[in-house]
Amino acid sequence: MPHVSANVHVSRPADEIFSFLRDPRNLAVWSSSIDQVIEGPIRTELGDEYTCKFPGRRRVHRLTCTASSPVEYLAFRGARMWTPLGRHSPELEFRLSPSRRGTLVNVSVKPHLDGGMIILAPFVTMAWRRDLPVELQCLAELLADGGRPDADTSDGQGAAPSGG
């Protein structure tokens, strides 16, 4: 299964960042993986479901909180989105690590693919490698105290991608 992750340092305490991330409506502000969260609880708890729209989709889909450890870890998984080639279920994981200067935020994307979509795994991974650092930079700028944090990316094997 493809796996892409990126890190960014934000000059805010982990509890403030976690509070922002656990409201899935905020995903649409900085992430291209969610177009709009239509309904669901404001503060996410394990198992909470949301109705949302993914980019390029007419139908609404479900987004479910699959993990929540306050101030440390949060995960959401999209419902299986059907395509003519198979299904795609993106999973977003957030890990927060406090530091002296704020918080290191790690975001991992695991696009769960089946059917013919498996053939497209390299292209799906390439798209996430391209987009995730930009999205994380946007998140950092939304939350930062005015500084311009550095974002970096690596795939699931720890290798940094090239290009941009």
N, C-alpha and C. Protein backbone atom coordinates (compact mmCIF):
# COMPACT_ATOMS: atom_id res chain seq x y z
N MET A 1 0.85 -1.18 0.00
CA MET A 1 0.00 0.00 0.00
C MET A 1 0.89 1.24 0.00
N PRO A 2 0.61 2.21 -0.88
CA PRO A 2 1.38 3.44 -0.90
C PRO A 2 1.27 4.19 0.43
N HIS A 3 2.30 4.93 0.74
CA HIS A 3 2.32 5.68 1.99
C HIS A 3 3.23 6.88 1.77
N VAL A 4 2.70 8.06 2.01
CA VAL A 4 3.47 9.29 1.88
C VAL A 4 3.30 10.08 3.17
N SER A 5 4.38 10.70 3.63
CA SER A 5 4.26 11.53 4.83
C SER A 5 5.06 12.81 4.65
N ALA A 6 4.67 13.80 5.42
CA ALA A 6 5.35 15.10 5.40
C ALA A 6 5.34 15.65 6.82
N ASN A 7 6.34 16.47 7.12
CA ASN A 7 6.47 17.10 8.44
C ASN A 7 6.53 18.61 8.26
N VAL A 8 6.04 19.29 9.27
CA VAL A 8 6.18 20.74 9.31
C VAL A 8 6.23 21.16 10.78
N HIS A 9 7.01 22.16 11.05
CA HIS A 9 7.08 22.70 12.41
C HIS A 9 6.17 23.91 12.49
N VAL A 10 5.33 23.94 13.53
CA VAL A 10 4.42 25.06 13.74
C VAL A 10 4.71 25.66 15.11
N SER A 11 4.84 26.97 15.18
CA SER A 11 5.18 27.65 16.44
C SER A 11 3.95 27.87 17.30
N ARG A 12 3.24 26.78 17.56
CA ARG A 12 2.06 26.78 18.42
C ARG A 12 2.10 25.53 19.29
N PRO A 13 1.45 25.59 20.46
CA PRO A 13 1.39 24.40 21.31
C PRO A 13 0.58 23.28 20.66
N ALA A 14 0.93 22.05 20.96
CA ALA A 14 0.27 20.88 20.38
C ALA A 14 -1.23 20.87 20.65
N ASP A 15 -1.66 21.31 21.84
CA ASP A 15 -3.10 21.27 22.14
C ASP A 15 -3.90 22.19 21.23
N GLU A 16 -3.33 23.34 20.84
CA GLU A 16 -4.03 24.24 19.92
C GLU A 16 -4.12 23.64 18.52
N ILE A 17 -3.04 23.01 18.08
CA ILE A 17 -3.03 22.38 16.75
C ILE A 17 -4.00 21.21 16.72
N PHE A 18 -3.97 20.40 17.78
CA PHE A 18 -4.89 19.25 17.85
C PHE A 18 -6.34 19.72 17.82
N SER A 19 -6.62 20.78 18.53
CA SER A 19 -7.98 21.33 18.55
C SER A 19 -8.43 21.74 17.14
N PHE A 20 -7.53 22.36 16.39
CA PHE A 20 -7.83 22.76 15.01
C PHE A 20 -8.05 21.54 14.12
N LEU A 21 -7.17 20.53 14.24
CA LEU A 21 -7.25 19.35 13.38
C LEU A 21 -8.46 18.48 13.69
N ARG A 22 -8.91 18.46 14.92
CA ARG A 22 -10.01 17.56 15.24
C ARG A 22 -11.38 18.10 14.82
N ASP A 23 -11.42 19.27 14.24
CA ASP A 23 -12.63 19.77 13.58
C ASP A 23 -12.45 19.52 12.09
N PRO A 24 -13.03 18.45 11.55
CA PRO A 24 -12.79 18.09 10.15
C PRO A 24 -13.19 19.16 9.14
N ARG A 25 -14.04 20.10 9.55
CA ARG A 25 -14.39 21.18 8.62
C ARG A 25 -13.15 21.97 8.23
N ASN A 26 -12.14 21.98 9.09
CA ASN A 26 -10.90 22.69 8.79
C ASN A 26 -10.08 22.02 7.70
N LEU A 27 -10.30 20.73 7.45
CA LEU A 27 -9.57 20.04 6.39
C LEU A 27 -9.77 20.74 5.04
N ALA A 28 -10.99 21.18 4.79
CA ALA A 28 -11.30 21.82 3.51
C ALA A 28 -10.57 23.16 3.35
N VAL A 29 -10.10 23.74 4.44
CA VAL A 29 -9.41 25.02 4.38
C VAL A 29 -7.99 24.86 3.85
N TRP A 30 -7.32 23.75 4.20
CA TRP A 30 -5.90 23.61 3.84
C TRP A 30 -5.56 22.37 3.03
N SER A 31 -6.44 21.38 2.96
CA SER A 31 -6.12 20.12 2.29
C SER A 31 -6.93 19.93 1.01
N SER A 32 -6.26 19.50 -0.04
CA SER A 32 -6.97 19.24 -1.30
C SER A 32 -7.69 17.90 -1.28
N SER A 33 -7.53 17.11 -0.22
CA SER A 33 -8.18 15.80 -0.16
C SER A 33 -9.65 15.89 0.23
N ILE A 34 -10.08 17.01 0.80
CA ILE A 34 -11.48 17.21 1.19
C ILE A 34 -11.95 18.52 0.57
N ASP A 35 -13.06 18.45 -0.15
CA ASP A 35 -13.62 19.64 -0.75
C ASP A 35 -14.52 20.39 0.24
N GLN A 36 -15.34 19.62 0.98
CA GLN A 36 -16.27 20.24 1.92
C GLN A 36 -16.75 19.20 2.92
N VAL A 37 -16.79 19.56 4.18
CA VAL A 37 -17.43 18.72 5.20
C VAL A 37 -18.81 19.32 5.42
N ILE A 38 -19.82 18.51 5.16
CA ILE A 38 -21.20 19.00 5.15
C ILE A 38 -21.85 18.91 6.53
N GLU A 39 -21.67 17.75 7.19
CA GLU A 39 -22.26 17.63 8.52
C GLU A 39 -21.49 16.63 9.35
N GLY A 40 -21.62 16.78 10.67
CA GLY A 40 -20.96 15.92 11.64
C GLY A 40 -20.59 16.74 12.86
N PRO A 41 -20.12 16.07 13.92
CA PRO A 41 -19.76 16.79 15.15
C PRO A 41 -18.60 17.76 14.91
N ILE A 42 -18.54 18.80 15.71
CA ILE A 42 -17.46 19.78 15.57
C ILE A 42 -16.16 19.24 16.14
N ARG A 43 -16.21 18.62 17.28
CA ARG A 43 -15.02 18.04 17.91
C ARG A 43 -15.05 16.53 17.72
N THR A 44 -14.05 16.00 17.08
CA THR A 44 -14.02 14.60 16.70
C THR A 44 -13.65 13.68 17.85
N GLU A 45 -14.39 12.60 17.93
CA GLU A 45 -14.07 11.49 18.84
C GLU A 45 -13.99 10.22 17.98
N LEU A 46 -13.36 9.20 18.51
CA LEU A 46 -13.21 7.94 17.80
C LEU A 46 -14.56 7.42 17.32
N GLY A 47 -14.65 7.08 16.05
CA GLY A 47 -15.87 6.54 15.47
C GLY A 47 -16.83 7.56 14.90
N ASP A 48 -16.60 8.83 15.17
CA ASP A 48 -17.49 9.87 14.62
C ASP A 48 -17.43 9.84 13.10
N GLU A 49 -18.60 10.05 12.48
CA GLU A 49 -18.68 10.07 11.02
C GLU A 49 -19.14 11.44 10.54
N TYR A 50 -18.64 11.78 9.36
CA TYR A 50 -18.95 13.05 8.73
C TYR A 50 -19.42 12.80 7.32
N THR A 51 -20.29 13.65 6.85
CA THR A 51 -20.68 13.64 5.45
C THR A 51 -19.83 14.70 4.76
N CYS A 52 -19.17 14.30 3.68
CA CYS A 52 -18.28 15.25 3.02
C CYS A 52 -18.27 15.02 1.52
N LYS A 53 -17.64 15.96 0.84
CA LYS A 53 -17.43 15.83 -0.59
C LYS A 53 -15.94 15.80 -0.84
N PHE A 54 -15.55 14.84 -1.65
CA PHE A 54 -14.17 14.76 -2.09
C PHE A 54 -14.05 15.51 -3.40
N PRO A 55 -12.90 16.10 -3.70
CA PRO A 55 -12.74 16.86 -4.94
C PRO A 55 -13.09 16.02 -6.17
N GLY A 56 -13.80 16.63 -7.09
CA GLY A 56 -14.16 15.97 -8.33
C GLY A 56 -15.30 14.98 -8.22
N ARG A 57 -15.94 14.91 -7.06
CA ARG A 57 -17.03 13.95 -6.84
C ARG A 57 -18.34 14.69 -6.68
N ARG A 58 -19.41 14.15 -7.26
CA ARG A 58 -20.73 14.74 -7.10
C ARG A 58 -21.41 14.20 -5.86
N ARG A 59 -21.21 12.93 -5.60
CA ARG A 59 -21.85 12.29 -4.45
C ARG A 59 -21.16 12.69 -3.15
N VAL A 60 -21.95 12.63 -2.09
CA VAL A 60 -21.34 12.82 -0.77
C VAL A 60 -20.81 11.47 -0.30
N HIS A 61 -19.79 11.52 0.52
CA HIS A 61 -19.14 10.33 1.06
C HIS A 61 -19.02 10.46 2.56
N ARG A 62 -18.59 9.39 3.19
CA ARG A 62 -18.37 9.41 4.63
C ARG A 62 -16.88 9.55 4.94
N LEU A 63 -16.62 10.28 5.97
CA LEU A 63 -15.28 10.41 6.53
C LEU A 63 -15.42 9.99 7.99
N THR A 64 -14.61 9.04 8.42
CA THR A 64 -14.73 8.49 9.77
C THR A 64 -13.45 8.72 10.55
N CYS A 65 -13.61 9.10 11.81
CA CYS A 65 -12.45 9.20 12.71
C CYS A 65 -12.09 7.77 13.14
N THR A 66 -10.91 7.31 12.74
CA THR A 66 -10.48 5.94 13.05
C THR A 66 -9.55 5.86 14.24
N ALA A 67 -9.03 6.99 14.71
CA ALA A 67 -8.16 7.00 15.88
C ALA A 67 -8.11 8.41 16.45
N SER A 68 -8.05 8.48 17.79
CA SER A 68 -7.94 9.78 18.44
C SER A 68 -7.31 9.62 19.81
N SER A 69 -6.08 10.12 19.95
CA SER A 69 -5.39 10.21 21.23
C SER A 69 -5.11 11.68 21.44
N PRO A 70 -5.85 12.32 22.36
CA PRO A 70 -5.73 13.77 22.51
C PRO A 70 -4.30 14.29 22.54
N VAL A 71 -4.09 15.30 21.74
CA VAL A 71 -2.88 16.09 21.60
C VAL A 71 -1.71 15.30 20.98
N GLU A 72 -1.91 14.03 20.59
CA GLU A 72 -0.81 13.25 20.02
C GLU A 72 -1.11 12.68 18.64
N TYR A 73 -2.30 12.11 18.45
CA TYR A 73 -2.57 11.33 17.24
C TYR A 73 -4.03 11.41 16.86
N LEU A 74 -4.28 11.56 15.56
CA LEU A 74 -5.64 11.64 15.04
C LEU A 74 -5.63 11.04 13.64
N ALA A 75 -6.66 10.26 13.29
CA ALA A 75 -6.73 9.66 11.96
C ALA A 75 -8.16 9.70 11.44
N PHE A 76 -8.29 9.97 10.14
CA PHE A 76 -9.56 9.96 9.44
C PHE A 76 -9.43 9.04 8.22
N ARG A 77 -10.51 8.34 7.89
CA ARG A 77 -10.51 7.52 6.69
C ARG A 77 -11.77 7.82 5.88
N GLY A 78 -11.57 8.05 4.60
CA GLY A 78 -12.69 8.29 3.70
C GLY A 78 -13.36 6.98 3.33
N ALA A 79 -14.67 7.04 3.10
CA ALA A 79 -15.40 5.86 2.67
C ALA A 79 -14.91 5.44 1.29
N ARG A 80 -15.10 4.20 0.97
CA ARG A 80 -14.62 3.69 -0.32
C ARG A 80 -15.28 4.44 -1.47
N MET A 81 -14.45 5.17 -2.19
CA MET A 81 -14.93 5.92 -3.35
C MET A 81 -14.78 5.04 -4.57
N TRP A 82 -15.89 4.77 -5.21
CA TRP A 82 -15.88 3.91 -6.37
C TRP A 82 -15.41 4.66 -7.59
N THR A 83 -14.61 3.99 -8.41
CA THR A 83 -14.22 4.47 -9.73
C THR A 83 -14.43 3.31 -10.70
N PRO A 84 -14.42 3.52 -11.98
CA PRO A 84 -14.56 2.40 -12.91
C PRO A 84 -13.46 1.35 -12.75
N LEU A 85 -12.33 1.73 -12.19
CA LEU A 85 -11.22 0.79 -12.01
C LEU A 85 -11.20 0.09 -10.66
N GLY A 86 -11.93 0.59 -9.70
CA GLY A 86 -11.89 0.01 -8.36
C GLY A 86 -12.22 1.07 -7.33
N ARG A 87 -11.86 0.79 -6.08
CA ARG A 87 -12.17 1.72 -5.00
C ARG A 87 -10.91 2.34 -4.41
N HIS A 88 -11.12 3.51 -3.85
CA HIS A 88 -10.04 4.28 -3.21
C HIS A 88 -10.56 4.77 -1.87
N SER A 89 -9.84 4.46 -0.79
CA SER A 89 -10.22 4.91 0.55
C SER A 89 -9.02 5.62 1.18
N PRO A 90 -8.94 6.94 1.04
CA PRO A 90 -7.79 7.65 1.61
C PRO A 90 -7.85 7.71 3.14
N GLU A 91 -6.70 7.54 3.76
CA GLU A 91 -6.59 7.66 5.22
C GLU A 91 -5.55 8.73 5.53
N LEU A 92 -5.94 9.68 6.38
CA LEU A 92 -5.04 10.75 6.82
C LEU A 92 -4.72 10.55 8.29
N GLU A 93 -3.43 10.54 8.63
CA GLU A 93 -3.01 10.40 10.02
C GLU A 93 -2.21 11.63 10.42
N PHE A 94 -2.48 12.12 11.61
CA PHE A 94 -1.79 13.29 12.15
C PHE A 94 -1.08 12.89 13.44
N ARG A 95 0.22 13.14 13.51
CA ARG A 95 1.00 12.89 14.73
C ARG A 95 1.62 14.23 15.15
N LEU A 96 1.43 14.58 16.41
CA LEU A 96 1.96 15.83 16.92
C LEU A 96 3.02 15.55 17.97
N SER A 97 4.17 16.22 17.84
CA SER A 97 5.28 16.08 18.78
C SER A 97 5.69 17.46 19.28
N PRO A 98 5.41 17.76 20.55
CA PRO A 98 5.83 19.06 21.10
C PRO A 98 7.35 19.22 21.07
N SER A 99 7.78 20.45 20.83
CA SER A 99 9.20 20.78 20.87
C SER A 99 9.35 22.10 21.62
N ARG A 100 10.59 22.52 21.83
CA ARG A 100 10.81 23.79 22.54
C ARG A 100 10.25 24.98 21.77
N ARG A 101 10.23 24.88 20.46
CA ARG A 101 9.79 26.00 19.62
C ARG A 101 8.34 25.89 19.16
N GLY A 102 7.61 24.88 19.60
CA GLY A 102 6.23 24.70 19.16
C GLY A 102 5.89 23.23 19.03
N THR A 103 5.49 22.81 17.83
CA THR A 103 5.05 21.44 17.61
C THR A 103 5.46 20.96 16.22
N LEU A 104 6.00 19.76 16.17
CA LEU A 104 6.27 19.12 14.89
C LEU A 104 5.01 18.35 14.52
N VAL A 105 4.47 18.65 13.34
CA VAL A 105 3.25 18.00 12.85
C VAL A 105 3.66 17.07 11.71
N ASN A 106 3.33 15.79 11.84
CA ASN A 106 3.57 14.81 10.79
C ASN A 106 2.21 14.38 10.25
N VAL A 107 2.05 14.46 8.95
CA VAL A 107 0.83 13.99 8.30
C VAL A 107 1.21 12.86 7.36
N SER A 108 0.53 11.73 7.51
CA SER A 108 0.73 10.58 6.63
C SER A 108 -0.54 10.33 5.85
N VAL A 109 -0.38 9.97 4.60
CA VAL A 109 -1.50 9.62 3.75
C VAL A 109 -1.30 8.18 3.29
N LYS A 110 -2.34 7.38 3.51
CA LYS A 110 -2.34 5.99 3.06
C LYS A 110 -3.55 5.81 2.15
N PRO A 111 -3.34 5.85 0.84
CA PRO A 111 -4.46 5.63 -0.06
C PRO A 111 -4.73 4.14 -0.22
N HIS A 112 -5.74 3.61 0.42
CA HIS A 112 -6.11 2.20 0.32
C HIS A 112 -6.80 2.00 -1.03
N LEU A 113 -6.22 1.15 -1.87
CA LEU A 113 -6.71 0.94 -3.22
C LEU A 113 -7.08 -0.52 -3.43
N ASP A 114 -8.10 -0.79 -4.27
CA ASP A 114 -8.38 -2.17 -4.64
C ASP A 114 -8.81 -2.23 -6.10
N GLY A 115 -8.95 -3.43 -6.62
CA GLY A 115 -9.30 -3.61 -8.02
C GLY A 115 -8.22 -3.06 -8.93
N GLY A 116 -8.65 -2.49 -10.03
CA GLY A 116 -7.73 -1.92 -11.00
C GLY A 116 -7.00 -0.69 -10.49
N MET A 117 -7.49 -0.09 -9.41
CA MET A 117 -6.82 1.09 -8.85
C MET A 117 -5.41 0.75 -8.37
N ILE A 118 -5.17 -0.51 -8.04
CA ILE A 118 -3.84 -0.92 -7.57
C ILE A 118 -2.78 -0.61 -8.63
N ILE A 119 -3.15 -0.75 -9.89
CA ILE A 119 -2.22 -0.45 -10.98
C ILE A 119 -1.82 1.02 -10.95
N LEU A 120 -2.72 1.88 -10.49
CA LEU A 120 -2.46 3.32 -10.46
C LEU A 120 -1.74 3.78 -9.20
N ALA A 121 -1.39 2.86 -8.31
CA ALA A 121 -0.75 3.22 -7.04
C ALA A 121 0.46 4.15 -7.22
N PRO A 122 1.37 3.90 -8.18
CA PRO A 122 2.50 4.83 -8.33
C PRO A 122 2.07 6.26 -8.67
N PHE A 123 1.01 6.41 -9.45
CA PHE A 123 0.54 7.74 -9.82
C PHE A 123 -0.16 8.43 -8.65
N VAL A 124 -0.93 7.65 -7.89
CA VAL A 124 -1.59 8.19 -6.70
C VAL A 124 -0.54 8.66 -5.70
N THR A 125 0.49 7.84 -5.51
CA THR A 125 1.58 8.19 -4.59
C THR A 125 2.32 9.44 -5.07
N MET A 126 2.58 9.50 -6.36
CA MET A 126 3.27 10.67 -6.93
C MET A 126 2.47 11.95 -6.69
N ALA A 127 1.16 11.87 -6.85
CA ALA A 127 0.31 13.05 -6.63
C ALA A 127 0.37 13.49 -5.18
N TRP A 128 0.32 12.55 -4.24
CA TRP A 128 0.40 12.91 -2.83
C TRP A 128 1.77 13.49 -2.48
N ARG A 129 2.84 12.93 -3.07
CA ARG A 129 4.18 13.48 -2.82
C ARG A 129 4.27 14.93 -3.30
N ARG A 130 3.59 15.22 -4.39
CA ARG A 130 3.59 16.58 -4.93
C ARG A 130 2.76 17.52 -4.07
N ASP A 131 1.58 17.07 -3.65
CA ASP A 131 0.62 17.95 -2.98
C ASP A 131 0.80 18.10 -1.48
N LEU A 132 1.20 17.04 -0.80
CA LEU A 132 1.22 17.07 0.66
C LEU A 132 2.14 18.15 1.24
N PRO A 133 3.37 18.35 0.74
CA PRO A 133 4.20 19.43 1.31
C PRO A 133 3.57 20.81 1.17
N VAL A 134 2.92 21.06 0.04
CA VAL A 134 2.26 22.35 -0.19
C VAL A 134 1.10 22.52 0.79
N GLU A 135 0.33 21.46 0.97
CA GLU A 135 -0.80 21.51 1.90
C GLU A 135 -0.33 21.71 3.33
N LEU A 136 0.74 21.04 3.71
CA LEU A 136 1.25 21.20 5.07
C LEU A 136 1.80 22.60 5.29
N GLN A 137 2.40 23.16 4.28
CA GLN A 137 2.86 24.55 4.37
C GLN A 137 1.67 25.48 4.59
N CYS A 138 0.58 25.22 3.90
CA CYS A 138 -0.64 26.01 4.08
C CYS A 138 -1.17 25.87 5.50
N LEU A 139 -1.19 24.65 6.02
CA LEU A 139 -1.62 24.41 7.40
C LEU A 139 -0.74 25.18 8.37
N ALA A 140 0.57 25.11 8.18
CA ALA A 140 1.50 25.80 9.07
C ALA A 140 1.29 27.31 9.04
N GLU A 141 1.07 27.85 7.87
CA GLU A 141 0.87 29.28 7.75
C GLU A 141 -0.44 29.72 8.40
N LEU A 142 -1.46 28.87 8.31
CA LEU A 142 -2.73 29.17 8.99
C LEU A 142 -2.55 29.24 10.50
N LEU A 143 -1.70 28.36 11.03
CA LEU A 143 -1.56 28.23 12.47
C LEU A 143 -0.38 28.98 13.07
N ALA A 144 0.57 29.37 12.26
CA ALA A 144 1.81 29.97 12.76
C ALA A 144 1.60 31.37 13.31
N ASP A 145 2.56 31.79 14.09
CA ASP A 145 2.54 33.14 14.66
C ASP A 145 3.21 34.14 13.72
N GLY A 146 3.21 33.87 12.45
CA GLY A 146 3.78 34.81 11.50
C GLY A 146 5.04 34.31 10.84
N GLY A 147 5.71 33.30 11.40
CA GLY A 147 6.92 32.76 10.78
C GLY A 147 6.59 31.91 9.57
N ARG A 148 7.59 31.55 8.80
CA ARG A 148 7.39 30.68 7.63
C ARG A 148 8.08 29.35 7.90
N PRO A 149 7.34 28.35 8.42
CA PRO A 149 7.94 27.07 8.76
C PRO A 149 8.38 26.29 7.53
N ASP A 150 9.31 25.36 7.74
CA ASP A 150 9.81 24.52 6.66
C ASP A 150 9.05 23.21 6.63
N ALA A 151 8.62 22.78 5.45
CA ALA A 151 7.96 21.48 5.28
C ALA A 151 8.90 20.55 4.54
N ASP A 152 8.90 19.27 4.92
CA ASP A 152 9.66 18.28 4.18
C ASP A 152 8.81 17.03 4.03
N THR A 153 9.14 16.22 3.04
CA THR A 153 8.32 15.06 2.72
C THR A 153 9.18 13.83 2.59
N SER A 154 8.58 12.69 2.94
CA SER A 154 9.22 11.41 2.68
C SER A 154 8.15 10.38 2.40
N ASP A 155 8.54 9.32 1.68
CA ASP A 155 7.56 8.26 1.45
C ASP A 155 7.62 7.28 2.62
N GLY A 156 6.82 6.25 2.59
CA GLY A 156 6.74 5.29 3.67
C GLY A 156 8.05 4.58 3.95
N GLN A 157 8.98 4.58 2.98
CA GLN A 157 10.27 3.94 3.19
C GLN A 157 11.32 4.91 3.71
N GLY A 158 10.93 6.15 3.94
CA GLY A 158 11.84 7.12 4.52
C GLY A 158 12.67 7.89 3.51
N ALA A 159 12.50 7.63 2.22
CA ALA A 159 13.28 8.34 1.22
C ALA A 159 12.59 9.65 0.86
N ALA A 160 13.38 10.69 0.77
CA ALA A 160 12.82 11.99 0.40
C ALA A 160 12.63 12.05 -1.10
N PRO A 161 11.48 12.48 -1.57
CA PRO A 161 11.24 12.58 -3.01
C PRO A 161 11.98 13.76 -3.59
N SER A 162 12.20 13.73 -4.87
CA SER A 162 12.84 14.86 -5.52
C SER A 162 11.82 15.62 -6.33
N GLY A 163 12.18 16.79 -6.77
CA GLY A 163 11.30 17.59 -7.60
C GLY A 163 10.33 18.40 -6.77
N GLY A 164 9.40 19.04 -7.45
CA GLY A 164 8.43 19.81 -6.69
C GLY A 164 7.71 20.66 -7.58
